Amino acid sequence: MKEHLHDMNDDLLVKYLLRETSPAENRAVESWIQATPANQRYYDHFRLIWERSRELAATSTVDPDKAWQRFQQRVAEERRPNRGIVRTMNRRLAGWQVAAMLTGVVAVVAMIYYFSQQVKSDDAVTLAATTASQVDTLPDGSVITLNKHSSLSYAGAYNEEKRTVALKGEAFFSVVPNKKKPFVVEANGVTVTVTGTSFNVRSVNGKTEVVVETGSVQVSNGHQTIVLSPKEKVSIAHPDSTMVKEAQTNVLYQYYRDKTFVCDETPLWKFIEVLNEAYDVHIVIDSKQVAGQPYTATFHNESLDNILYVIAETFHLSVERTNSRIVLK
């Protein structure tokens, strides 16, 4: 079996992707991946080609022998380091007829490696959600859920020494643990640092809020640093504000992840505030006394009209629509 230039056996990587490795082999591969940024990049490219190969192999109608011959000629011309990867995959993926799709995948392979050679540390990747929330996976496997009208960007050097992202708007992060490479979120002058945990960051209209669900996070605004544990939050009006930990007493902030609104003795005005954001409307409560009343209810994937009907019935209110406003009175 041939070894590639980073001292890792390509056949072992394929075996790892097939989940056929022993516990000892798993540890060996994972230690190698984390050893250097170059190893991490090589593995990321290898996995991307692997996944794309499986997709293309399932639908290809190309003659396998002729495709393989054309691919070998193309590789010789390109002189790229992907030859060993694709040849190894071709042997391991015979059952999927990978040879049949090599004419198509060669362009993908060449593009991946060309991109990897061209990327500079200041080349940025931006993920953006427009009118609906969206879920994305970062290069290290961490998963983010962006709320609508939010964006996340990171440089090409992401995952080399540390994992730094810049957030505008709101996002929920489920971070893959890696003590050697801290995960850093920068938002409106506030820095959130973790090694592996789940948390929500909201930075809107100059105000930043961080809520922790699992693990712990470190929040800094330049002159003060605090550590948050599960069910704790900090709200920062501006970067120079004094930060104070608070208990997170509701889970309304989760609504954009699963389309569920959960109120548990939540002040009605707070729920209305979230509805305004979720449905892009302008609801006002005519009575300050009613606005402060606690409300307990759960709505899953309901229409705004249904939610307003239940609220009106609960508090004996009427719902009046005036131009762009909805008034509860």
Protein backbone atom coordinates (compact mmCIF):
# COMPACT_ATOMS: atom_id res chain seq x y z
CA MET A 1 0.00 0.00 0.00
CA LYS A 2 1.36 3.33 -1.00
CA GLU A 3 1.86 6.11 1.48
CA HIS A 4 1.20 9.74 0.52
CA LEU A 5 3.48 12.64 1.25
CA HIS A 6 2.03 13.23 4.75
CA ASP A 7 2.99 9.76 6.10
CA MET A 8 -0.55 8.43 6.12
CA ASN A 9 -1.78 5.42 4.19
CA ASP A 10 -4.54 6.33 1.73
CA ASP A 11 -6.10 2.87 2.06
CA LEU A 12 -6.36 3.41 5.81
CA LEU A 13 -8.14 6.74 5.24
CA VAL A 14 -10.64 5.03 2.94
CA LYS A 15 -11.12 2.30 5.54
CA TYR A 16 -11.69 5.03 8.15
CA LEU A 17 -14.34 6.68 5.96
CA LEU A 18 -16.03 3.28 5.53
CA ARG A 19 -16.03 2.90 9.34
CA GLU A 20 -14.17 -0.39 9.04
CA THR A 21 -11.23 0.64 11.23
CA SER A 22 -10.43 -0.84 14.63
CA PRO A 23 -10.34 1.38 17.74
CA ALA A 24 -6.55 1.52 17.49
CA GLU A 25 -6.71 2.52 13.81
CA ASN A 26 -9.32 5.17 14.64
CA ARG A 27 -6.97 6.70 17.20
CA ALA A 28 -4.07 6.60 14.75
CA VAL A 29 -6.02 8.36 11.99
CA GLU A 30 -7.52 10.98 14.29
CA SER A 31 -4.16 11.73 15.91
CA TRP A 32 -2.62 12.15 12.48
CA ILE A 33 -5.41 14.48 11.31
CA GLN A 34 -4.94 16.73 14.35
CA ALA A 35 -1.15 16.68 14.20
CA THR A 36 -0.67 19.45 11.61
CA PRO A 37 -2.79 21.90 9.57
CA ALA A 38 -1.47 20.24 6.40
CA ASN A 39 -2.78 16.86 7.54
CA GLN A 40 -6.17 18.38 8.33
CA ARG A 41 -6.36 19.98 4.87
CA TYR A 42 -5.34 16.73 3.17
CA TYR A 43 -8.02 14.78 5.05
CA ASP A 44 -10.71 17.42 4.32
CA HIS A 45 -9.92 17.23 0.59
CA PHE A 46 -9.79 13.44 0.69
CA ARG A 47 -13.21 13.24 2.39
CA LEU A 48 -14.75 15.76 -0.01
CA ILE A 49 -13.57 13.79 -3.04
CA TRP A 50 -14.82 10.59 -1.41
CA GLU A 51 -18.30 11.97 -0.79
CA ARG A 52 -18.55 13.49 -4.27
CA SER A 53 -17.37 10.20 -5.79
CA ARG A 54 -20.13 8.26 -4.06
CA GLU A 55 -22.77 10.70 -5.32
CA LEU A 56 -21.56 10.60 -8.91
CA ALA A 57 -21.03 6.85 -8.94
CA ALA A 58 -24.67 6.21 -8.09
CA THR A 59 -25.95 7.85 -11.27
CA SER A 60 -23.13 7.50 -13.82
CA THR A 61 -23.60 5.61 -17.10
CA VAL A 62 -20.04 6.07 -18.39
CA ASP A 63 -18.08 3.00 -19.58
CA PRO A 64 -15.75 2.14 -16.63
CA ASP A 65 -12.70 1.00 -18.64
CA LYS A 66 -12.70 3.92 -21.05
CA ALA A 67 -13.36 6.38 -18.23
CA TRP A 68 -10.40 5.03 -16.27
CA GLN A 69 -8.09 5.29 -19.29
CA ARG A 70 -9.11 8.91 -19.92
CA PHE A 71 -8.68 9.70 -16.25
CA GLN A 72 -5.14 8.28 -16.13
CA GLN A 73 -4.18 10.39 -19.15
CA ARG A 74 -5.68 13.50 -17.56
CA VAL A 75 -3.83 12.91 -14.28
CA ALA A 76 -0.53 12.53 -16.10
CA GLU A 77 -1.11 15.86 -17.83
CA GLU A 78 -2.21 17.68 -14.68
CA ARG A 79 0.58 16.21 -12.49
CA ARG A 80 -1.50 16.79 -9.42
CA PRO A 81 -1.21 14.93 -6.09
CA ASN A 82 -4.77 13.60 -6.38
CA ARG A 83 -3.74 10.55 -8.43
CA GLY A 84 -3.05 8.37 -5.39
CA ILE A 85 -6.30 9.39 -3.74
CA VAL A 86 -8.55 8.60 -6.68
CA ARG A 87 -6.73 5.36 -7.54
CA THR A 88 -7.12 4.18 -3.93
CA MET A 89 -10.79 5.11 -3.92
CA ASN A 90 -11.31 3.35 -7.23
CA ARG A 91 -10.01 0.06 -5.75
CA ARG A 92 -12.05 0.35 -2.56
CA LEU A 93 -15.26 1.53 -4.28
CA ALA A 94 -15.47 -1.15 -6.97
CA GLY A 95 -18.90 -2.13 -5.70
CA TRP A 96 -20.13 1.39 -6.45
CA GLN A 97 -18.57 1.45 -9.96
CA VAL A 98 -16.49 4.50 -9.16
CA ALA A 99 -14.50 4.07 -12.37
CA ALA A 100 -17.65 4.89 -14.30
CA MET A 101 -17.79 8.39 -12.94
CA LEU A 102 -14.10 9.31 -12.98
CA THR A 103 -14.37 11.43 -16.12
CA GLY A 104 -16.78 13.65 -14.27
CA VAL A 105 -15.07 13.63 -10.90
CA VAL A 106 -11.62 14.47 -12.29
CA ALA A 107 -12.74 18.05 -12.81
CA VAL A 108 -14.02 18.18 -9.23
CA VAL A 109 -10.74 16.78 -7.93
CA ALA A 110 -8.66 19.24 -9.93
CA MET A 111 -10.79 22.15 -8.73
CA ILE A 112 -10.49 21.08 -5.10
CA TYR A 113 -6.73 20.89 -5.21
CA TYR A 114 -6.39 24.04 -7.27
CA PHE A 115 -8.51 25.86 -4.71
CA SER A 116 -6.49 24.44 -1.82
CA GLN A 117 -3.29 25.76 -3.38
CA GLN A 118 -4.75 29.20 -4.08
CA VAL A 119 -6.51 29.89 -0.76
CA LYS A 120 -4.75 32.55 1.33
CA SER A 121 -5.28 33.24 5.00
CA ASP A 122 -7.30 36.35 4.20
CA ASP A 123 -9.66 34.71 1.70
CA ALA A 124 -13.06 34.73 3.40
CA VAL A 125 -16.00 32.36 3.12
CA THR A 126 -19.41 33.79 3.98
CA LEU A 127 -22.57 31.87 4.88
CA ALA A 128 -25.80 33.85 4.85
CA ALA A 129 -29.44 33.22 5.68
CA THR A 130 -31.95 35.53 4.02
CA THR A 131 -35.67 35.02 4.66
CA ALA A 132 -35.41 31.73 6.55
CA SER A 133 -33.03 30.08 8.99
CA GLN A 134 -30.49 27.63 7.61
CA VAL A 135 -28.12 24.95 8.90
CA ASP A 136 -24.50 24.74 7.73
CA THR A 137 -21.47 22.63 8.62
CA LEU A 138 -18.08 24.30 9.08
CA PRO A 139 -14.81 22.73 7.83
CA ASP A 140 -14.07 21.18 11.24
CA GLY A 141 -17.50 19.51 11.42
CA SER A 142 -19.07 22.04 13.79
CA VAL A 143 -22.72 22.72 12.96
CA ILE A 144 -24.32 26.16 12.97
CA THR A 145 -27.92 27.26 12.60
CA LEU A 146 -28.18 30.79 11.26
CA ASN A 147 -31.30 32.79 12.01
CA LYS A 148 -32.76 34.66 9.05
CA HIS A 149 -31.05 37.92 8.04
CA SER A 150 -27.83 36.63 9.64
CA SER A 151 -24.39 35.83 8.24
CA LEU A 152 -21.20 34.10 9.32
CA SER A 153 -17.76 34.49 7.75
CA TYR A 154 -14.39 32.83 8.27
CA ALA A 155 -10.97 33.08 6.64
CA GLY A 156 -9.21 30.44 4.56
CA ALA A 157 -6.91 29.83 7.53
CA TYR A 158 -9.85 28.49 9.56
CA ASN A 159 -8.94 25.30 11.43
CA GLU A 160 -5.16 25.79 11.15
CA GLU A 161 -4.28 27.29 14.56
CA LYS A 162 -7.73 28.29 15.79
CA ARG A 163 -11.26 28.33 14.48
CA THR A 164 -12.35 31.95 14.22
CA VAL A 165 -15.68 33.12 12.77
CA ALA A 166 -17.35 36.53 12.55
CA LEU A 167 -21.09 36.73 13.18
CA LYS A 168 -23.68 39.30 12.15
CA GLY A 169 -27.15 38.56 13.49
CA GLU A 170 -27.92 35.36 15.38
CA ALA A 171 -26.69 31.78 15.30
CA PHE A 172 -26.67 28.62 17.36
CA PHE A 173 -23.36 26.77 17.50
CA SER A 174 -22.74 23.08 18.15
CA VAL A 175 -18.95 22.96 18.28
CA VAL A 176 -16.80 19.88 17.74
CA PRO A 177 -14.40 19.56 20.73
CA ASN A 178 -10.73 20.35 20.04
CA LYS A 179 -8.69 21.73 22.95
CA LYS A 180 -5.74 22.43 20.67
CA LYS A 181 -7.80 24.69 18.40
CA PRO A 182 -10.17 27.02 20.27
CA PHE A 183 -13.40 28.02 18.54
CA VAL A 184 -13.80 31.80 18.56
CA VAL A 185 -16.89 33.85 17.66
CA GLU A 186 -16.42 37.58 17.09
CA ALA A 187 -19.56 39.72 17.19
CA ASN A 188 -19.80 43.49 17.62
CA GLY A 189 -16.63 43.84 19.71
CA VAL A 190 -17.44 40.79 21.84
CA THR A 191 -15.38 37.59 21.68
CA VAL A 192 -16.77 34.17 22.62
CA THR A 193 -14.18 31.40 23.05
CA VAL A 194 -14.84 27.66 23.48
CA THR A 195 -13.21 24.33 22.71
CA GLY A 196 -16.41 22.33 22.30
CA THR A 197 -19.93 23.09 23.48
CA SER A 198 -23.32 24.40 22.31
CA PHE A 199 -24.46 27.97 22.70
CA ASN A 200 -26.46 30.78 21.10
CA VAL A 201 -25.08 34.18 20.10
CA ARG A 202 -27.32 37.07 19.11
CA SER A 203 -25.88 40.41 17.98
CA VAL A 204 -28.57 42.80 16.76
CA ASN A 205 -28.83 46.61 16.86
CA GLY A 206 -25.57 46.93 18.78
CA LYS A 207 -26.64 44.56 21.57
CA THR A 208 -25.04 41.15 21.99
CA GLU A 209 -26.43 38.22 23.99
CA VAL A 210 -24.77 34.86 24.67
CA VAL A 211 -26.71 31.87 26.06
CA VAL A 212 -25.05 28.55 26.93
CA GLU A 213 -26.84 25.22 26.57
CA THR A 214 -24.01 22.73 27.20
CA GLY A 215 -20.41 23.00 28.36
CA SER A 216 -19.00 26.42 29.16
CA VAL A 217 -17.92 29.47 27.17
CA GLN A 218 -15.65 32.41 27.84
CA VAL A 219 -17.01 35.83 26.90
CA SER A 220 -14.77 38.89 26.64
CA ASN A 221 -15.38 42.49 25.63
CA GLY A 222 -11.77 43.67 25.78
CA HIS A 223 -11.60 44.79 29.41
CA GLN A 224 -13.62 42.07 31.16
CA THR A 225 -13.88 38.30 30.81
CA ILE A 226 -16.49 36.00 32.31
CA VAL A 227 -17.24 32.28 32.02
CA LEU A 228 -20.80 31.07 31.39
CA SER A 229 -22.14 27.63 32.31
CA PRO A 230 -25.31 25.89 31.05
CA LYS A 231 -28.53 27.90 31.45
CA GLU A 232 -26.57 31.10 31.97
CA LYS A 233 -26.46 34.14 29.74
CA VAL A 234 -24.91 37.57 29.43
CA SER A 235 -26.39 40.58 27.65
CA ILE A 236 -24.05 43.33 26.46
CA ALA A 237 -25.58 46.66 25.43
CA HIS A 238 -22.28 47.85 23.87
CA PRO A 239 -18.67 46.59 23.93
CA ASP A 240 -17.72 48.78 26.91
CA SER A 241 -20.60 47.62 29.09
CA THR A 242 -19.98 45.82 32.36
CA MET A 243 -20.90 42.17 31.87
CA VAL A 244 -23.05 40.39 34.45
CA LYS A 245 -24.09 36.74 34.36
CA GLU A 246 -27.80 35.96 34.56
CA ALA A 247 -29.90 32.82 34.68
CA GLN A 248 -31.54 31.96 31.36
CA THR A 249 -35.13 31.39 32.44
CA ASN A 250 -36.79 30.65 29.09
CA VAL A 251 -36.05 28.88 25.84
CA LEU A 252 -37.84 31.26 23.46
CA TYR A 253 -34.51 32.03 21.80
CA GLN A 254 -34.58 28.52 20.30
CA TYR A 255 -37.63 29.20 18.13
CA TYR A 256 -35.76 29.61 14.84
CA ARG A 257 -34.10 26.19 15.20
CA ASP A 258 -37.24 24.04 15.43
CA LYS A 259 -40.15 26.45 14.79
CA THR A 260 -41.38 25.93 18.36
CA PHE A 261 -42.32 28.72 20.75
CA VAL A 262 -42.18 27.66 24.40
CA CYS A 263 -43.49 30.10 27.01
CA ASP A 264 -43.12 29.19 30.68
CA GLU A 265 -44.41 32.02 32.85
CA THR A 266 -42.95 34.31 30.20
CA PRO A 267 -44.07 37.96 30.24
CA LEU A 268 -46.47 38.43 27.34
CA TRP A 269 -44.51 41.40 26.00
CA LYS A 270 -41.44 39.18 25.65
CA PHE A 271 -43.36 36.62 23.63
CA ILE A 272 -44.80 39.34 21.41
CA GLU A 273 -41.29 40.68 20.84
CA VAL A 274 -40.18 37.26 19.58
CA LEU A 275 -43.29 36.92 17.37
CA ASN A 276 -42.53 40.27 15.75
CA GLU A 277 -39.09 39.04 14.81
CA ALA A 278 -40.15 35.56 13.74
CA TYR A 279 -42.99 36.68 11.46
CA ASP A 280 -41.65 40.10 10.39
CA VAL A 281 -44.69 41.90 11.78
CA HIS A 282 -45.42 44.78 14.17
CA ILE A 283 -47.65 43.62 17.04
CA VAL A 284 -48.35 45.96 19.94
CA ILE A 285 -50.20 45.38 23.23
CA ASP A 286 -52.56 48.21 24.05
CA SER A 287 -52.52 47.57 27.82
CA LYS A 288 -49.30 47.79 29.87
CA GLN A 289 -50.95 45.72 32.57
CA VAL A 290 -51.69 42.89 30.14
CA ALA A 291 -48.23 43.19 28.59
CA GLY A 292 -46.61 42.27 31.89
CA GLN A 293 -48.81 39.22 32.53
CA PRO A 294 -47.02 35.83 32.65
CA TYR A 295 -47.91 33.43 29.85
CA THR A 296 -47.46 29.66 29.57
CA ALA A 297 -48.06 27.89 26.28
CA THR A 298 -46.30 25.94 23.53
CA PHE A 299 -46.81 26.47 19.80
CA HIS A 300 -45.17 24.23 17.22
CA ASN A 301 -45.09 25.36 13.60
CA GLU A 302 -48.32 27.34 14.01
CA SER A 303 -49.51 30.20 11.84
CA LEU A 304 -49.39 33.69 13.30
CA ASP A 305 -53.19 33.97 13.10
CA ASN A 306 -53.64 30.83 15.21
CA ILE A 307 -51.17 32.05 17.82
CA LEU A 308 -52.84 35.46 18.07
CA TYR A 309 -56.26 33.82 18.36
CA VAL A 310 -55.11 31.74 21.35
CA ILE A 311 -53.49 34.76 23.03
CA ALA A 312 -56.64 36.85 22.51
CA GLU A 313 -58.85 34.10 23.95
CA THR A 314 -56.55 33.64 26.95
CA PHE A 315 -56.42 37.33 27.92
CA HIS A 316 -59.88 38.32 26.61
CA LEU A 317 -58.44 40.62 23.98
CA SER A 318 -59.42 41.58 20.47
CA VAL A 319 -57.07 41.56 17.49
CA GLU A 320 -57.22 44.64 15.28
CA ARG A 321 -55.16 45.18 12.15
CA THR A 322 -54.38 48.79 11.23
CA ASN A 323 -52.16 49.32 8.21
CA SER A 324 -48.93 47.52 9.11
CA ARG A 325 -49.74 47.18 12.81
CA ILE A 326 -51.51 44.43 14.73
CA VAL A 327 -53.01 45.70 17.97
CA LEU A 328 -54.04 43.51 20.90
CA LYS A 329 -56.55 45.49 22.96
